[in-house]
Protein backbone atom coordinates (compact mmCIF):
# COMPACT_ATOMS: atom_id res chain seq x y z
CA MET A 1 22.71 12.10 7.98
CA VAL A 2 18.97 12.55 7.97
CA ARG A 3 17.33 14.21 10.98
CA ALA A 4 14.57 11.67 11.45
CA PRO A 5 11.28 13.17 12.70
CA TRP A 6 10.47 10.11 14.80
CA ARG A 7 13.65 10.42 16.84
CA ARG A 8 13.27 12.20 20.17
CA THR A 9 14.89 15.45 21.09
CA SER A 10 15.39 16.58 24.64
CA ASP A 11 12.21 18.69 24.37
CA ASP A 12 9.96 15.72 23.55
CA ASP A 13 7.59 14.30 26.12
CA ASP A 14 8.65 10.87 27.39
CA THR A 15 5.14 9.52 26.78
CA GLU A 16 5.13 10.45 23.11
CA GLN A 17 5.30 7.64 20.54
CA ASN A 18 8.54 7.46 18.58
CA THR A 19 7.10 6.64 15.18
CA HIS A 20 6.46 8.49 11.96
CA SER A 21 3.38 7.89 9.88
CA ASP A 22 2.87 9.36 6.44
CA ASP A 23 -0.67 10.66 6.79
CA THR A 24 -0.91 11.55 3.09
CA ALA A 25 -0.29 8.02 1.88
CA ASP A 26 -3.20 5.65 1.35
CA THR A 27 -1.67 2.70 3.19
CA GLY A 28 -1.54 1.14 6.62
CA GLU A 29 2.10 0.17 6.17
CA THR A 30 3.86 3.50 6.60
CA GLU A 31 5.16 3.43 10.15
CA LEU A 32 8.82 3.39 11.06
CA SER A 33 10.11 2.30 14.41
CA ALA A 34 12.39 4.67 16.29
CA ASP A 35 15.43 2.49 15.69
CA GLU A 36 14.95 1.91 11.96
CA ASP A 37 17.85 3.18 9.87
CA PRO A 38 17.60 3.87 6.16
CA ILE A 39 18.62 1.12 3.77
CA VAL A 40 20.33 3.76 1.62
CA SER A 41 20.80 7.46 2.28
CA CYS A 42 22.39 9.79 -0.29
CA GLU A 43 23.18 13.46 0.12
CA PHE A 44 22.78 15.27 -3.19
CA GLN A 45 23.13 18.89 -4.33
CA ASP A 46 19.55 19.84 -3.53
CA GLY A 47 18.67 17.44 -0.71
CA THR A 48 19.02 14.01 0.83
CA LEU A 49 17.21 10.88 -0.34
CA SER A 50 16.74 8.16 2.28
CA VAL A 51 15.19 4.81 1.40
CA TYR A 52 13.46 2.72 4.08
CA GLU A 53 11.66 -0.61 3.77
CA LYS A 54 8.19 0.95 3.30
CA LEU A 55 8.90 4.66 2.85
CA LEU A 56 11.31 7.02 1.23
CA HIS A 57 12.19 10.48 2.47
CA ILE A 58 13.37 13.51 0.52
CA GLU A 59 14.87 16.04 2.89
CA ARG A 60 15.53 19.40 1.27
CA HIS A 61 18.21 21.94 2.14
CA SER A 62 16.97 25.03 3.95
CA GLY A 63 17.18 27.22 0.83
CA SER A 64 15.11 24.91 -1.35
CA LYS A 65 11.78 26.02 -2.75
CA PHE A 66 10.47 22.51 -2.04
CA ASP A 67 9.52 21.04 1.33
CA ASP A 68 10.70 17.77 2.83
CA LYS A 69 8.57 14.87 1.64
CA TRP A 70 7.70 11.32 2.72
CA ILE A 71 6.46 8.88 0.05
CA ALA A 72 5.07 5.43 0.80
CA MET A 73 6.62 2.71 -1.39
CA ASN A 74 3.17 1.65 -2.61
CA GLN A 75 2.81 5.18 -4.07
CA VAL A 76 5.99 4.85 -6.18
CA ARG A 77 5.38 3.95 -9.85
CA GLY A 78 9.05 3.95 -10.81
CA VAL A 79 12.40 5.72 -10.65
CA THR A 80 14.18 7.60 -13.41
CA TYR A 81 17.97 7.74 -13.18
CA VAL A 82 19.72 9.94 -15.76
CA GLU A 83 23.42 10.63 -16.29
CA ASN A 84 23.97 13.79 -18.33
CA ILE A 85 27.29 15.35 -19.26
CA VAL A 86 27.60 17.58 -16.18
CA ILE A 87 24.65 17.12 -13.85
CA HIS A 88 22.77 13.89 -13.18
CA TYR A 89 19.42 13.33 -11.51
CA ILE A 90 17.17 10.77 -9.89
CA GLN A 91 13.42 11.30 -10.16
CA ILE A 92 10.77 9.45 -8.15
CA GLU A 93 7.66 8.70 -10.20
CA GLN A 94 4.73 8.90 -7.78
CA VAL A 95 1.04 8.04 -8.12
CA ASP A 96 -1.07 11.18 -8.70
CA PHE A 97 2.03 13.36 -9.21
CA GLU A 98 3.08 14.80 -12.55
CA ASN A 99 6.86 14.98 -12.79
CA SER A 100 8.58 17.83 -14.54
CA THR A 101 10.44 17.11 -17.77
CA GLY A 102 13.74 18.62 -18.70
CA GLY A 103 14.65 20.20 -21.99
CA MET A 104 17.46 19.48 -24.37
CA PHE A 105 19.99 21.25 -22.15
CA SER A 106 18.20 21.20 -18.80
CA SER A 107 17.13 18.64 -16.25
CA PRO A 108 13.70 18.51 -14.60
CA VAL A 109 13.07 20.47 -11.42
CA ASP A 110 10.27 19.30 -9.13
CA GLU A 111 9.72 18.08 -5.57
CA ASN A 112 10.46 14.45 -6.52
CA THR A 113 13.76 15.12 -8.35
CA LEU A 114 17.25 15.34 -6.85
CA HIS A 115 20.38 16.41 -8.74
CA PHE A 116 23.96 15.24 -8.22
CA GLY A 117 27.46 15.29 -9.72
CA HIS A 118 29.74 12.47 -10.85
CA GLY A 119 30.88 11.62 -7.32
CA LYS A 120 27.36 10.65 -6.19
CA ARG A 121 26.44 8.30 -9.03
CA ALA A 122 27.14 5.09 -7.11
CA CYS A 123 24.95 6.14 -4.18
CA ALA A 124 22.16 7.27 -6.54
CA LYS A 125 22.27 3.88 -8.28
CA ARG A 126 22.05 2.09 -4.91
CA ALA A 127 19.04 4.26 -3.97
CA ARG A 128 17.37 3.57 -7.32
CA ASP A 129 17.95 -0.17 -6.98
CA ALA A 130 16.68 -0.21 -3.37
CA ILE A 131 13.49 1.60 -4.40
CA LEU A 132 12.92 -0.68 -7.38
CA GLU A 133 13.47 -3.79 -5.23
CA ARG A 134 10.67 -2.59 -2.93
CA THR A 135 8.23 -1.45 -5.62
CA THR A 136 8.61 -4.00 -8.40
CA PRO A 137 6.19 -6.95 -8.14
CA LYS A 138 7.99 -10.26 -7.75
């Protein structure tokens, strides 16, 4: 499960607000309440993707060369979901971010791409669909 930064630990001050705001996003709609759970959360080979109503969170494993990242839904241009022979990936297309491209025998590696095996395809599809539902104009 995702260690949510807006949840309190025993060291937190009781007067501190229990919300997370993505300061890098250009939107006023990026706050989560302390009790908000992700709509979908998938643990992949190189991190965890959690989808919330107005944000998504990529939490990386400790050995990753990439940092954890919050992305506001209004900064998401699309989602690429690819099933290759061995390794699959989901890639978040973000405003003002140039995604990596894979080669003939390789998949892209960047801070908005997560890789997974056959057993995680259903969760990755649910995450993709949840993101698209929140970013596609109706």
